[in-house]
Amino acid sequence: MANAKNNLKARHNWIKNIVAVVTSVFFFAPFYIILSLSFKVRGDRSSHWIFPSSPHIQSYVVALTKGNIGTAIINTLIVTVFSVVLIILFGSIASYPLARHRSKLNKFILSAFVGVMMVPPLSVLVPIYRLMVSLGGINTFWGIIILSTTYGLPMSVFMFSNFICTIPKELDEAALLDGCSQFAIFPRIILPNMMPVVSSVVILTGVSIWNDYSFQLYILQKPKLRTITLAMSSFFSEGMTNLPAAAAAAVMAVLPVVVLYLFLQKYFIKGTVDSAVK
């Protein structure tokens, strides 16, 4: 009987391992193709699945010089970092009263935030563009930062409020008894316990802003303000298509996001799970 259970358990483990390997290959394949393509020369018609026998860095040179990928990465960092900081700041502050005071009004506000998350960006692009023109936010970093912050706030409020609900209210009461003021409870008691969900919000909103194309295309129209997605699109036109250079730009663009995720993956998983409890 014991041997039968052990054999069944071993079989299940083999199935899990096979599924894990197949899933890993499925998700790694696009990265392999981009990496393989980035080391080929323009005009190479060989299969994208075949890694070049003599890799060339010409595509990376073209991406850095003609595509100005270095400047685009710096511009993208500016937009992403400032937007994420504002999203965390305003999202966490707004979430605390919504989570601690579960009134009908607060529930309605949270439902409104969830509803806004369902709105596709392209459906509100025209009125947003007209608003940014009237505010003078076209071709400015502050314009795209405000826009990215506004569109990223609903998800952050939703995740922060759900996470705060898992923090016992007794901690607030104990802090009040120890002489902590009502306004000091959040930065001293609540915020230090929110690091897992903060990491999740940083990754989710950061990747979304880093990969954004539609908003940045219309707000940042000057070549010197191009972000990484706009710079990559310059390699595709009616008169010229340079797949290896675009692949090289994509490799350089994805590296910061991969490094960020590797550093925050433990907190990201915990924060995502805890935010979905409620």
Protein backbone atom coordinates (compact mmCIF):
# COMPACT_ATOMS: atom_id res chain seq x y z
CA MET A 1 0.00 0.00 0.00
CA ALA A 2 2.80 2.36 0.92
CA ASN A 3 4.67 1.52 -2.28
CA ALA A 4 1.57 2.27 -4.35
CA LYS A 5 1.23 5.69 -2.69
CA ASN A 6 4.90 6.43 -3.23
CA ASN A 7 4.64 5.44 -6.90
CA LEU A 8 1.56 7.63 -7.34
CA LYS A 9 3.32 10.55 -5.63
CA ALA A 10 6.40 10.08 -7.81
CA ARG A 11 4.22 10.01 -10.93
CA HIS A 12 2.51 13.26 -9.89
CA ASN A 13 5.91 14.86 -9.30
CA TRP A 14 7.04 13.81 -12.78
CA ILE A 15 3.90 15.33 -14.30
CA LYS A 16 4.45 18.57 -12.38
CA ASN A 17 8.05 18.72 -13.54
CA ILE A 18 7.10 18.13 -17.15
CA VAL A 19 4.41 20.82 -17.00
CA ALA A 20 6.88 23.23 -15.37
CA VAL A 21 9.49 22.60 -18.09
CA VAL A 22 6.97 23.00 -20.92
CA THR A 23 5.63 26.21 -19.38
CA SER A 24 9.14 27.60 -18.92
CA VAL A 25 10.05 26.83 -22.53
CA PHE A 26 6.81 28.41 -23.74
CA PHE A 27 7.51 31.69 -21.91
CA PHE A 28 11.25 31.73 -22.58
CA ALA A 29 10.88 31.18 -26.35
CA PRO A 30 10.07 34.85 -27.22
CA PHE A 31 13.09 36.05 -25.23
CA TYR A 32 15.32 33.53 -27.02
CA ILE A 33 14.04 34.66 -30.43
CA ILE A 34 14.61 38.35 -29.60
CA LEU A 35 18.10 37.61 -28.28
CA SER A 36 18.95 35.51 -31.34
CA LEU A 37 17.63 38.15 -33.72
CA SER A 38 19.54 40.96 -31.97
CA PHE A 39 22.91 39.31 -32.78
CA LYS A 40 22.15 38.93 -36.49
CA VAL A 41 22.98 41.40 -39.22
CA ARG A 42 20.29 43.17 -41.19
CA GLY A 43 19.26 41.11 -44.17
CA ASP A 44 19.91 37.76 -42.50
CA ARG A 45 17.05 35.54 -43.68
CA SER A 46 17.86 32.52 -41.53
CA SER A 47 15.33 31.16 -39.09
CA HIS A 48 14.79 33.18 -35.93
CA TRP A 49 15.10 29.94 -33.97
CA ILE A 50 18.71 29.44 -35.09
CA PHE A 51 21.21 31.37 -33.02
CA PRO A 52 23.86 32.95 -35.30
CA SER A 53 27.13 31.04 -35.47
CA SER A 54 29.06 34.33 -35.49
CA PRO A 55 27.13 36.87 -33.37
CA HIS A 56 27.42 40.55 -34.31
CA ILE A 57 26.85 43.59 -32.09
CA GLN A 58 26.12 45.84 -35.06
CA SER A 59 22.42 45.94 -34.18
CA TYR A 60 23.21 47.20 -30.67
CA VAL A 61 25.42 49.92 -32.14
CA VAL A 62 22.63 50.99 -34.50
CA ALA A 63 20.09 50.96 -31.68
CA LEU A 64 22.30 53.16 -29.51
CA THR A 65 23.36 55.61 -32.23
CA LYS A 66 20.57 55.94 -34.78
CA GLY A 67 17.79 54.90 -32.43
CA ASN A 68 19.07 56.90 -29.42
CA ILE A 69 18.02 54.04 -27.15
CA GLY A 70 20.26 55.32 -24.35
CA THR A 71 18.41 58.65 -24.21
CA ALA A 72 15.08 56.85 -24.55
CA ILE A 73 15.88 54.59 -21.59
CA ILE A 74 16.78 57.64 -19.46
CA ASN A 75 13.52 59.36 -20.47
CA THR A 76 11.56 56.22 -19.65
CA LEU A 77 13.27 55.95 -16.26
CA ILE A 78 12.33 59.55 -15.45
CA VAL A 79 8.68 59.01 -16.35
CA THR A 80 8.45 55.61 -14.65
CA VAL A 81 10.24 56.47 -11.40
CA PHE A 82 8.35 59.71 -10.75
CA SER A 83 5.01 58.17 -11.71
CA VAL A 84 5.50 55.10 -9.49
CA VAL A 85 6.58 57.23 -6.52
CA LEU A 86 3.46 59.40 -6.86
CA ILE A 87 1.24 56.34 -7.31
CA ILE A 88 2.59 54.76 -4.11
CA LEU A 89 2.39 58.02 -2.16
CA PHE A 90 -1.16 59.03 -3.09
CA GLY A 91 -2.48 55.47 -3.42
CA SER A 92 -1.34 54.38 0.05
CA ILE A 93 -2.58 57.56 1.74
CA ALA A 94 -5.99 57.30 0.06
CA SER A 95 -6.30 53.58 0.83
CA TYR A 96 -5.87 53.86 4.60
CA PRO A 97 -9.19 55.62 5.42
CA LEU A 98 -11.01 53.58 2.76
CA ALA A 99 -9.83 50.34 4.37
CA ARG A 100 -10.27 51.32 8.02
CA HIS A 101 -13.72 52.94 7.69
CA ARG A 102 -15.93 50.52 5.78
CA SER A 103 -18.90 52.83 5.21
CA LYS A 104 -21.26 52.67 2.25
CA LEU A 105 -19.62 55.73 0.75
CA ASN A 106 -16.16 54.18 0.99
CA LYS A 107 -17.41 50.94 -0.54
CA PHE A 108 -18.88 52.96 -3.40
CA ILE A 109 -15.57 54.77 -3.90
CA LEU A 110 -13.68 51.47 -3.99
CA SER A 111 -16.18 50.11 -6.50
CA ALA A 112 -15.65 53.23 -8.62
CA PHE A 113 -11.89 52.63 -8.56
CA VAL A 114 -12.43 49.04 -9.73
CA GLY A 115 -14.74 50.32 -12.48
CA VAL A 116 -12.10 52.77 -13.69
CA MET A 117 -9.61 49.88 -13.93
CA MET A 118 -11.88 48.29 -16.55
CA VAL A 119 -11.77 51.31 -18.88
CA PRO A 120 -9.41 50.77 -21.86
CA PRO A 121 -6.86 53.59 -22.26
CA LEU A 122 -7.65 54.15 -25.94
CA SER A 123 -11.32 54.82 -25.18
CA VAL A 124 -10.44 57.96 -23.20
CA LEU A 125 -7.47 59.07 -25.29
CA VAL A 126 -9.26 61.86 -27.19
CA PRO A 127 -10.71 63.73 -24.16
CA ILE A 128 -7.45 63.25 -22.26
CA TYR A 129 -5.46 64.67 -25.16
CA ARG A 130 -7.73 67.73 -25.36
CA LEU A 131 -7.35 68.24 -21.61
CA MET A 132 -3.56 67.98 -21.79
CA VAL A 133 -3.48 70.47 -24.67
CA SER A 134 -5.51 72.97 -22.65
CA LEU A 135 -3.16 72.47 -19.67
CA GLY A 136 -0.02 72.81 -21.78
CA GLY A 137 1.12 69.29 -20.92
CA ILE A 138 2.00 68.17 -24.45
CA ASN A 139 5.73 67.50 -24.97
CA THR A 140 6.46 67.76 -21.25
CA PHE A 141 7.54 65.14 -18.75
CA TRP A 142 5.16 66.44 -16.10
CA GLY A 143 2.22 65.94 -18.47
CA ILE A 144 2.91 62.24 -19.09
CA ILE A 145 3.83 61.73 -15.41
CA ILE A 146 0.49 63.15 -14.24
CA LEU A 147 -1.35 61.08 -16.84
CA SER A 148 0.49 57.87 -15.92
CA THR A 149 -0.03 58.52 -12.21
CA THR A 150 -3.75 59.15 -12.66
CA TYR A 151 -4.26 55.98 -14.68
CA GLY A 152 -2.18 53.87 -12.26
CA LEU A 153 -3.86 55.04 -9.07
CA PRO A 154 -7.03 52.87 -9.22
CA MET A 155 -5.11 49.59 -9.16
CA SER A 156 -2.81 50.80 -6.37
CA VAL A 157 -5.76 51.93 -4.23
CA PHE A 158 -7.49 48.60 -4.80
CA MET A 159 -4.40 46.58 -3.80
CA PHE A 160 -3.41 48.82 -0.89
CA SER A 161 -6.91 48.91 0.63
CA ASN A 162 -7.30 45.13 0.44
CA PHE A 163 -3.89 44.63 2.03
CA ILE A 164 -4.58 47.12 4.86
CA CYS A 165 -7.77 45.20 5.65
CA THR A 166 -5.58 42.21 6.57
CA ILE A 167 -3.65 44.30 9.15
CA PRO A 168 -5.40 43.98 12.56
CA LYS A 169 -7.07 47.14 13.84
CA GLU A 170 -5.69 46.27 17.27
CA LEU A 171 -2.34 47.65 16.11
CA ASP A 172 -3.95 51.06 15.61
CA GLU A 173 -5.57 50.91 19.05
CA ALA A 174 -2.33 49.85 20.71
CA ALA A 175 -0.50 52.73 19.04
CA LEU A 176 -3.10 55.20 20.29
CA LEU A 177 -2.73 53.86 23.84
CA ASP A 178 1.03 54.30 23.59
CA GLY A 179 0.58 57.97 22.77
CA CYS A 180 0.76 57.84 18.98
CA SER A 181 -1.46 60.42 17.28
CA GLN A 182 -4.09 59.44 14.72
CA PHE A 183 -2.09 60.99 11.89
CA ALA A 184 1.13 59.21 12.91
CA ILE A 185 -0.41 55.72 12.89
CA PHE A 186 -0.17 55.32 9.12
CA PRO A 187 3.51 56.24 8.58
CA ARG A 188 4.72 54.55 11.78
CA ILE A 189 2.52 51.44 12.06
CA ILE A 190 0.73 50.70 8.77
CA LEU A 191 3.29 51.71 6.13
CA PRO A 192 6.18 49.53 7.47
CA ASN A 193 3.88 46.49 7.20
CA MET A 194 2.95 47.29 3.60
CA MET A 195 6.33 46.56 1.99
CA PRO A 196 5.14 43.36 0.21
CA VAL A 197 2.21 45.07 -1.48
CA VAL A 198 4.33 48.15 -2.20
CA SER A 199 6.71 45.87 -4.12
CA SER A 200 3.78 44.43 -6.05
CA VAL A 201 2.50 47.88 -6.96
CA VAL A 202 6.00 48.99 -7.98
CA ILE A 203 6.35 46.05 -10.38
CA LEU A 204 2.82 46.12 -11.82
CA THR A 205 2.55 49.86 -12.34
CA GLY A 206 6.21 50.25 -13.23
CA VAL A 207 6.06 47.63 -16.00
CA SER A 208 2.80 49.11 -17.29
CA ILE A 209 4.27 52.62 -17.53
CA TRP A 210 7.58 51.31 -18.89
CA ASN A 211 5.77 49.48 -21.71
CA ASP A 212 3.16 52.20 -22.38
CA TYR A 213 2.87 53.30 -25.98
CA SER A 214 -0.51 54.93 -26.63
CA PHE A 215 -0.32 57.75 -24.07
CA GLN A 216 3.37 58.45 -24.67
CA LEU A 217 2.88 58.51 -28.45
CA TYR A 218 0.46 61.44 -28.25
CA ILE A 219 1.90 63.31 -25.26
CA LEU A 220 5.64 63.04 -26.05
CA GLN A 221 5.85 64.06 -29.71
CA LYS A 222 9.34 65.61 -29.78
CA PRO A 223 12.16 63.20 -30.78
CA LYS A 224 14.32 64.21 -27.79
CA LEU A 225 11.51 63.18 -25.40
CA ARG A 226 11.00 59.71 -26.91
CA THR A 227 10.62 56.83 -24.49
CA ILE A 228 11.81 53.30 -25.15
CA THR A 229 8.62 52.13 -26.87
CA LEU A 230 8.58 55.16 -29.18
CA ALA A 231 12.26 54.70 -29.99
CA MET A 232 11.68 51.04 -30.88
CA SER A 233 8.81 51.96 -33.19
CA SER A 234 11.20 54.16 -35.20
CA PHE A 235 12.78 50.99 -36.62
CA PHE A 236 9.49 50.14 -38.35
CA SER A 237 8.29 52.35 -41.19
CA GLU A 238 7.10 52.08 -44.79
CA GLY A 239 10.59 52.73 -46.13
CA MET A 240 12.74 50.96 -43.56
CA THR A 241 12.38 47.99 -41.25
CA ASN A 242 15.32 46.91 -39.14
CA LEU A 243 14.32 43.85 -37.11
CA PRO A 244 17.76 43.14 -35.57
CA ALA A 245 18.10 46.73 -34.31
CA ALA A 246 14.57 46.64 -32.90
CA ALA A 247 15.37 43.32 -31.20
CA ALA A 248 18.57 44.80 -29.73
CA ALA A 249 16.58 47.76 -28.41
CA ALA A 250 14.04 45.35 -26.91
CA VAL A 251 16.80 43.41 -25.14
CA MET A 252 18.19 46.59 -23.60
CA ALA A 253 14.70 47.74 -22.67
CA VAL A 254 13.71 44.53 -20.90
CA LEU A 255 16.87 44.18 -18.79
CA PRO A 256 15.96 46.84 -16.15
CA VAL A 257 12.52 45.30 -15.68
CA VAL A 258 13.96 41.79 -15.29
CA VAL A 259 16.52 42.98 -12.74
CA LEU A 260 13.82 44.81 -10.78
CA TYR A 261 11.62 41.72 -10.70
CA LEU A 262 14.48 39.47 -9.58
CA PHE A 263 15.14 41.75 -6.62
CA LEU A 264 11.47 42.11 -5.63
CA GLN A 265 9.97 38.75 -6.65
CA LYS A 266 9.66 37.41 -3.08
CA TYR A 267 7.76 40.48 -1.92
CA PHE A 268 5.82 40.67 -5.18
CA ILE A 269 4.34 37.18 -4.77
CA LYS A 270 3.47 37.74 -1.10
CA GLY A 271 1.95 41.15 -1.73
CA THR A 272 -0.12 39.95 -4.68
CA VAL A 273 -1.52 37.01 -2.73
CA ASP A 274 -2.27 39.06 0.38
CA SER A 275 -3.94 41.82 -1.66
CA ALA A 276 -6.34 39.28 -3.16
CA VAL A 277 -7.48 37.86 0.18
CA LYS A 278 -10.41 40.20 0.56
